[in-house]
Amino acid sequence: MILRRMASLFSLSSRSQALFRLASVTNRSACRRNFQLTAVGRQTRDDDLFSSATLSETPVSEASKSTTVQKAKSQDAATRREQQFYELVEYVTDRTGRKRAVKAGQVRQTAWLRLFQLAKSSEQLEMVAELFPRWRDSGKEFRSIHAEAFIRRCEELECPTLALKVFGDHSKYGLGLSSLFAGRHMLHSVYDKRPLSDSMTVAALFGIYKLPPVSSDLAACSMLYVACLKDNSANARVVGKALYEELHKQVQDKPPVKAPQESAIRARYTEKPNIWLLDALKTIERVHKKTGKEWRWIRYWTAEREWRPRNTFTPLQPATTADHA
C-alpha cells in the first residue's frame, strides 16, 4: 500500500511538472510573439516617421536643386548675351567706316536691330550709338524701323536723353526721326517724367524732320499738353492754352478711340498711340477736375460707343415758347 501511494505521489508530481513545463513554454512563446509584434509595431511607426521625413525633405532638396539650376542657366544666358553683344560690336566696327579693317563680309540692316536688343544697359546702347557715324560713312542710310526700335530701346533702358542726343545731331549720327510713329514714341518717353524742355525739344524735332505738327496729332498734342500742365511757368501756360484749344477742336471732329482690352492686343506696337492718347486724356481729366477746368467733354468723347456729330458735346438748351408756336 505504501509503495502504491508513493508511486501515485511521484506520478502526480511528474504530471504537475509536465503541466508547469507546458505552461512555461506557452508563456514564453506568447511573450516572444508579443515582443515580436511590439518590435514590428515600433519598427512600422519608426518607418512611418522616417518615411514621412524623407518624403518631406525630398521636394525641398529638389526645389533647391531646381533653383540652383535656374540661376546657373540665367547666368549662362547673361554671359552668352554679353559675349554676343561685344562680338557683334566688333564685327560691325571692322566692316563699317571709310576704311574697313575687314573686307570680307557685310553688315546687314538687321544687325542694328540685333544690337539694340542685345544692349542691356544705357552704356551699351550708347556704345552702339557711337557706331552710327561709321554706317553713314559707309554710304548707308538708316530706315524708319531703326529709329523706332532705337527710341523704344531707349525708353526700356530709361535713357530717353540718349535719343534726344542722337536725333538732335543728325549731321553726326545720321539717324533721323523719319516717321510720325517714332516722333510719338519719343514724346511719350519724355512727357511724363522729364522736364518740359525735353518735350519742347521733341516738338521742335517734328518740324526739323518735316513731320506733321504736334498740334495736328491727337496723341502727340495730348501728351505735350500734359507736359505743359505739369509745369507752372508762364511759357507753359501760353503753349498749353493753344494746345488745349486745338485738342478740344480735334476731339469734336474725330470719332472716339477705344483701347483694346486684351493684353495680347495691347502689347502690339501698332496699338500704342491709341493707348498713349487715352492715358494722356485721363491725366488731363484728373488735372482739370482738380483745378476746376472743364473736363466733361473728355468723358463724353472717351465713354460714348458711337460717334456723334460735331457740337453735340454742348448740352442742348430747352426749347422756348416761340419754338413751339
Protein backbone atom coordinates (compact mmCIF):
# COMPACT_ATOMS: atom_id res chain seq x y z
CA MET A 1 0.00 0.00 0.00
CA ILE A 2 2.73 2.36 0.96
CA LEU A 3 4.54 1.74 -2.28
CA ARG A 4 1.40 2.35 -4.34
CA ARG A 5 0.75 5.66 -2.57
CA MET A 6 4.34 6.75 -3.12
CA ALA A 7 4.06 5.83 -6.80
CA SER A 8 0.88 7.85 -7.15
CA LEU A 9 2.57 10.81 -5.50
CA PHE A 10 5.50 10.59 -7.87
CA SER A 11 3.08 10.30 -10.78
CA LEU A 12 1.22 13.41 -9.58
CA SER A 13 4.45 15.35 -9.17
CA SER A 14 5.57 14.37 -12.65
CA ARG A 15 2.22 15.50 -14.06
CA SER A 16 2.44 18.82 -12.28
CA GLN A 17 5.99 19.29 -13.57
CA ALA A 18 4.85 18.49 -17.07
CA LEU A 19 1.99 20.95 -16.77
CA PHE A 20 4.38 23.55 -15.39
CA ARG A 21 6.80 23.00 -18.22
CA LEU A 22 3.94 23.23 -20.74
CA ALA A 23 2.66 26.44 -19.18
CA SER A 24 6.12 27.96 -19.12
CA VAL A 25 6.71 27.05 -22.73
CA THR A 26 3.34 28.50 -23.69
CA ASN A 27 4.06 31.71 -21.79
CA ARG A 28 7.49 32.04 -23.38
CA SER A 29 6.03 31.58 -26.89
CA ALA A 30 3.31 34.12 -26.12
CA CYS A 31 5.86 36.57 -24.77
CA ARG A 32 8.00 36.04 -27.83
CA ARG A 33 5.00 36.69 -30.10
CA ASN A 34 4.07 39.81 -28.12
CA PHE A 35 7.62 41.04 -28.23
CA GLN A 36 7.83 40.40 -31.95
CA LEU A 37 4.54 42.21 -32.54
CA THR A 38 5.70 45.11 -30.37
CA ALA A 39 9.01 45.29 -32.23
CA VAL A 40 7.24 45.14 -35.56
CA GLY A 41 4.83 47.88 -34.45
CA ARG A 42 7.68 50.09 -33.30
CA GLN A 43 9.58 49.45 -36.48
CA THR A 44 6.47 50.28 -38.51
CA ARG A 45 5.98 53.53 -36.60
CA ASP A 46 9.65 54.37 -36.98
CA ASP A 47 9.50 53.56 -40.66
CA ASP A 48 6.46 55.80 -40.99
CA LEU A 49 8.22 58.61 -39.21
CA PHE A 50 11.38 58.31 -41.25
CA SER A 51 9.49 57.78 -44.49
CA SER A 52 7.41 60.94 -43.93
CA ALA A 53 10.53 62.87 -43.11
CA THR A 54 12.18 61.57 -46.22
CA LEU A 55 9.16 62.47 -48.33
CA SER A 56 9.02 65.96 -46.84
CA GLU A 57 12.72 66.50 -47.33
CA THR A 58 12.77 65.31 -50.94
CA PRO A 59 10.74 68.17 -52.51
CA VAL A 60 12.79 70.74 -50.59
CA SER A 61 16.03 69.31 -51.89
CA GLU A 62 14.61 69.05 -55.41
CA ALA A 63 13.33 72.64 -55.23
CA SER A 64 16.71 73.91 -54.09
CA LYS A 65 18.39 71.98 -56.87
CA SER A 66 15.99 73.36 -59.48
CA THR A 67 16.54 76.90 -58.16
CA THR A 68 20.28 76.45 -58.40
CA VAL A 69 19.97 75.08 -61.92
CA GLN A 70 17.77 78.01 -62.97
CA LYS A 71 20.24 80.52 -61.54
CA ALA A 72 23.09 78.82 -63.35
CA LYS A 73 21.13 78.86 -66.61
CA SER A 74 20.25 82.54 -66.25
CA GLN A 75 23.87 83.39 -65.52
CA ASP A 76 24.99 81.41 -68.54
CA ALA A 77 22.38 83.16 -70.71
CA ALA A 78 23.51 86.57 -69.47
CA THR A 79 27.13 85.68 -70.17
CA ARG A 80 26.31 84.44 -73.67
CA ARG A 81 24.26 87.56 -74.36
CA GLU A 82 27.05 89.87 -73.31
CA GLN A 83 29.54 87.88 -75.37
CA GLN A 84 27.27 88.08 -78.43
CA PHE A 85 26.89 91.83 -77.94
CA TYR A 86 30.62 92.55 -77.94
CA GLU A 87 31.27 90.13 -80.78
CA LEU A 88 28.66 91.88 -82.91
CA VAL A 89 30.02 95.30 -81.96
CA GLU A 90 33.46 94.18 -83.12
CA TYR A 91 32.02 92.73 -86.32
CA VAL A 92 30.21 95.97 -87.18
CA THR A 93 33.21 98.11 -86.27
CA ASP A 94 35.57 96.13 -88.52
CA ARG A 95 33.23 96.24 -91.51
CA THR A 96 31.97 99.84 -91.49
CA GLY A 97 33.54 103.26 -91.92
CA ARG A 98 35.51 104.92 -94.68
CA LYS A 99 38.31 102.36 -94.35
CA ARG A 100 37.12 98.93 -93.44
CA ALA A 101 39.51 96.85 -91.36
CA VAL A 102 37.97 93.63 -92.72
CA LYS A 103 36.96 93.50 -96.38
CA ALA A 104 35.13 90.18 -96.23
CA GLY A 105 31.51 90.22 -95.16
CA GLN A 106 28.95 92.99 -94.95
CA VAL A 107 26.83 94.42 -92.16
CA ARG A 108 23.13 93.91 -92.74
CA GLN A 109 20.36 96.26 -91.73
CA THR A 110 19.12 93.73 -89.18
CA ALA A 111 22.46 93.85 -87.35
CA TRP A 112 21.44 97.19 -85.79
CA LEU A 113 18.15 95.79 -84.56
CA ARG A 114 20.04 92.90 -83.03
CA LEU A 115 22.45 95.28 -81.29
CA PHE A 116 19.58 97.28 -79.83
CA GLN A 117 18.11 94.14 -78.32
CA LEU A 118 21.40 92.78 -77.03
CA ALA A 119 22.27 96.03 -75.25
CA LYS A 120 21.22 95.61 -71.62
CA SER A 121 22.29 98.99 -70.23
CA SER A 122 22.33 102.62 -71.27
CA GLU A 123 26.12 102.46 -71.53
CA GLN A 124 25.99 99.59 -74.02
CA LEU A 125 23.27 101.33 -76.03
CA GLU A 126 25.37 104.48 -76.17
CA MET A 127 28.26 102.35 -77.40
CA VAL A 128 26.02 101.23 -80.26
CA ALA A 129 25.03 104.83 -80.99
CA GLU A 130 28.67 105.78 -81.37
CA LEU A 131 28.84 103.32 -84.28
CA PHE A 132 26.14 105.19 -86.23
CA PRO A 133 28.60 107.58 -87.94
CA ARG A 134 30.51 104.60 -89.34
CA TRP A 135 27.33 103.40 -91.04
CA ARG A 136 26.81 106.78 -92.65
CA ASP A 137 30.47 106.92 -93.69
CA SER A 138 29.97 103.58 -95.43
CA GLY A 139 27.38 105.23 -97.66
CA LYS A 140 24.47 103.50 -95.93
CA GLU A 141 21.29 105.02 -94.53
CA PHE A 142 19.10 104.08 -91.62
CA ARG A 143 15.42 103.30 -92.08
CA SER A 144 12.38 104.29 -90.04
CA ILE A 145 12.36 100.88 -88.39
CA HIS A 146 15.77 101.64 -86.90
CA ALA A 147 14.58 104.96 -85.48
CA GLU A 148 11.51 103.36 -83.92
CA ALA A 149 13.47 100.44 -82.47
CA PHE A 150 16.19 102.73 -81.07
CA ILE A 151 13.64 105.01 -79.35
CA ARG A 152 11.80 102.02 -77.94
CA ARG A 153 15.02 100.59 -76.52
CA CYS A 154 16.00 103.97 -75.05
CA GLU A 155 12.69 104.07 -73.20
CA GLU A 156 13.06 100.48 -71.99
CA LEU A 157 16.54 101.18 -70.64
CA GLU A 158 15.38 104.51 -69.17
CA CYS A 159 17.75 106.69 -71.17
CA PRO A 160 15.49 108.94 -73.30
CA THR A 161 18.11 111.69 -73.21
CA LEU A 162 20.30 109.47 -75.40
CA ALA A 163 17.59 109.55 -78.06
CA LEU A 164 17.41 113.34 -77.75
CA LYS A 165 21.16 113.49 -78.21
CA VAL A 166 21.20 111.26 -81.28
CA PHE A 167 18.21 112.74 -83.10
CA GLY A 168 19.29 116.24 -82.17
CA ASP A 169 22.59 115.84 -84.05
CA HIS A 170 21.74 114.31 -87.40
CA SER A 171 24.95 115.57 -89.01
CA LYS A 172 26.96 113.35 -86.67
CA TYR A 173 24.83 110.25 -86.15
CA GLY A 174 22.80 110.14 -89.34
CA LEU A 175 19.76 108.61 -87.63
CA GLY A 176 16.66 110.63 -88.45
CA LEU A 177 13.24 110.93 -86.87
CA SER A 178 11.74 109.63 -90.07
CA SER A 179 8.23 108.57 -89.04
CA LEU A 180 5.33 110.01 -87.06
CA PHE A 181 5.29 106.80 -85.04
CA ALA A 182 8.87 107.42 -83.94
CA GLY A 183 8.05 111.02 -83.07
CA ARG A 184 5.07 110.00 -80.94
CA HIS A 185 7.11 107.38 -79.12
CA MET A 186 9.92 109.82 -78.46
CA LEU A 187 7.46 112.30 -76.97
CA HIS A 188 5.90 109.53 -74.89
CA SER A 189 9.30 108.68 -73.41
CA VAL A 190 9.83 112.20 -72.01
CA TYR A 191 6.50 113.99 -71.44
CA ASP A 192 5.55 112.37 -68.14
CA LYS A 193 8.86 112.08 -66.25
CA ARG A 194 11.21 114.56 -67.87
CA PRO A 195 11.20 118.39 -67.74
CA LEU A 196 9.03 120.33 -70.16
CA SER A 197 12.13 121.44 -72.06
CA ASP A 198 12.67 117.87 -73.28
CA SER A 199 9.11 117.65 -74.61
CA MET A 200 9.52 121.00 -76.33
CA THR A 201 12.74 119.74 -77.92
CA VAL A 202 10.88 116.75 -79.33
CA ALA A 203 8.15 119.06 -80.64
CA ALA A 204 10.82 121.12 -82.40
CA LEU A 205 12.26 117.93 -83.93
CA PHE A 206 8.86 117.30 -85.54
CA GLY A 207 9.41 120.41 -87.63
CA ILE A 208 13.08 119.74 -88.32
CA TYR A 209 12.34 116.27 -89.70
CA LYS A 210 9.24 117.51 -91.57
CA LEU A 211 6.73 115.52 -89.58
CA PRO A 212 3.16 116.76 -89.11
CA PRO A 213 2.88 119.44 -86.40
CA VAL A 214 2.43 118.15 -82.88
CA SER A 215 -0.84 120.03 -82.55
CA SER A 216 -2.32 118.17 -85.55
CA ASP A 217 -1.90 114.71 -83.99
CA LEU A 218 -4.23 113.74 -81.16
CA ALA A 219 -1.75 111.55 -79.30
CA ALA A 220 1.19 113.95 -79.59
CA CYS A 221 -0.97 117.01 -78.81
CA SER A 222 -2.45 115.43 -75.67
CA MET A 223 0.94 114.28 -74.36
CA LEU A 224 2.53 117.69 -74.91
CA TYR A 225 -0.43 119.37 -73.23
CA VAL A 226 0.03 117.12 -70.17
CA ALA A 227 3.69 118.17 -70.04
CA CYS A 228 2.55 121.82 -70.02
CA LEU A 229 0.05 121.16 -67.24
CA LYS A 230 2.82 119.80 -65.02
CA ASP A 231 4.90 122.97 -65.49
CA ASN A 232 3.91 126.20 -63.76
CA SER A 233 5.91 128.59 -65.93
CA ALA A 234 4.29 131.37 -67.97
CA ASN A 235 5.53 129.85 -71.23
CA ALA A 236 3.91 126.54 -70.31
CA ARG A 237 0.57 128.26 -69.74
CA VAL A 238 0.75 130.04 -73.09
CA VAL A 239 1.67 126.90 -75.02
CA GLY A 240 -0.79 124.82 -73.04
CA LYS A 241 -3.69 127.15 -73.84
CA ALA A 242 -3.03 126.85 -77.58
CA LEU A 243 -2.70 123.08 -77.34
CA TYR A 244 -5.90 122.77 -75.32
CA GLU A 245 -7.92 124.66 -77.91
CA GLU A 246 -6.54 122.53 -80.72
CA LEU A 247 -7.09 119.32 -78.79
CA HIS A 248 -10.69 120.22 -77.98
CA LYS A 249 -11.35 121.03 -81.61
CA GLN A 250 -9.85 117.76 -82.89
CA VAL A 251 -11.79 115.66 -80.42
CA GLN A 252 -15.05 117.12 -81.68
CA ASP A 253 -14.11 116.44 -85.30
CA LYS A 254 -12.96 112.84 -84.90
CA PRO A 255 -14.64 109.65 -83.73
CA PRO A 256 -13.62 108.35 -80.29
CA VAL A 257 -10.71 105.99 -79.86
CA LYS A 258 -11.08 102.74 -77.97
CA ALA A 259 -8.16 101.00 -76.33
CA PRO A 260 -8.11 97.20 -76.68
CA GLN A 261 -8.77 95.23 -73.51
CA GLU A 262 -6.92 92.03 -74.42
CA SER A 263 -3.35 92.06 -73.15
CA ALA A 264 -2.07 90.34 -76.30
CA ILE A 265 -3.51 93.10 -78.49
CA ARG A 266 -2.41 95.87 -76.14
CA ALA A 267 1.14 94.60 -76.43
CA ARG A 268 1.16 95.22 -80.18
CA TYR A 269 3.31 98.16 -81.15
CA THR A 270 0.69 99.47 -83.58
CA GLU A 271 -1.83 99.88 -80.73
CA LYS A 272 0.44 102.05 -78.61
CA PRO A 273 -0.57 105.52 -79.95
CA ASN A 274 -4.22 104.99 -79.01
CA ILE A 275 -3.21 103.75 -75.56
CA TRP A 276 -0.91 106.75 -75.08
CA LEU A 277 -3.71 109.09 -76.16
CA LEU A 278 -6.24 107.67 -73.70
CA ASP A 279 -3.71 107.67 -70.86
CA ALA A 280 -2.92 111.33 -71.52
CA LEU A 281 -6.64 112.21 -71.66
CA LYS A 282 -7.18 110.53 -68.29
CA THR A 283 -4.41 112.67 -66.84
CA ILE A 284 -5.94 115.81 -68.38
CA GLU A 285 -9.35 114.93 -66.94
CA ARG A 286 -7.88 114.39 -63.48
CA VAL A 287 -5.92 117.67 -63.52
CA HIS A 288 -8.89 119.64 -64.86
CA LYS A 289 -11.13 118.28 -62.12
CA LYS A 290 -8.60 119.31 -59.51
CA THR A 291 -8.10 122.81 -60.92
CA GLY A 292 -11.76 123.44 -61.74
CA LYS A 293 -11.38 123.43 -65.52
CA GLU A 294 -13.79 121.87 -67.97
CA TRP A 295 -13.35 118.13 -68.26
CA ARG A 296 -16.72 116.61 -69.18
CA TRP A 297 -16.03 116.75 -72.90
CA ILE A 298 -13.21 114.26 -72.36
CA ARG A 299 -15.53 111.87 -70.55
CA TYR A 300 -18.17 112.21 -73.24
CA TRP A 301 -15.69 111.52 -76.00
CA THR A 302 -13.95 108.55 -74.39
CA ALA A 303 -17.10 106.93 -72.99
CA GLU A 304 -19.51 107.07 -75.92
CA ARG A 305 -19.87 103.95 -78.00
CA GLU A 306 -20.92 105.58 -81.25
CA TRP A 307 -19.59 108.75 -82.76
CA ARG A 308 -21.81 111.77 -82.63
CA PRO A 309 -21.59 114.78 -84.96
CA ARG A 310 -19.67 117.90 -84.06
CA ASN A 311 -21.00 120.30 -81.38
CA THR A 312 -23.21 117.64 -79.76
CA PHE A 313 -20.98 117.79 -76.69
CA THR A 314 -22.65 121.09 -75.74
CA PRO A 315 -25.87 120.46 -73.78
CA LEU A 316 -28.98 121.45 -75.72
CA GLN A 317 -30.95 124.39 -74.35
CA PRO A 318 -34.66 123.86 -73.60
CA ALA A 319 -36.99 124.96 -76.37
CA THR A 320 -38.67 128.38 -75.99
CA THR A 321 -42.35 129.18 -76.45
CA ALA A 322 -41.65 130.66 -79.84
CA ASP A 323 -40.14 127.39 -80.97
CA HIS A 324 -43.34 125.55 -80.10
CA ALA A 325 -45.56 128.13 -81.79
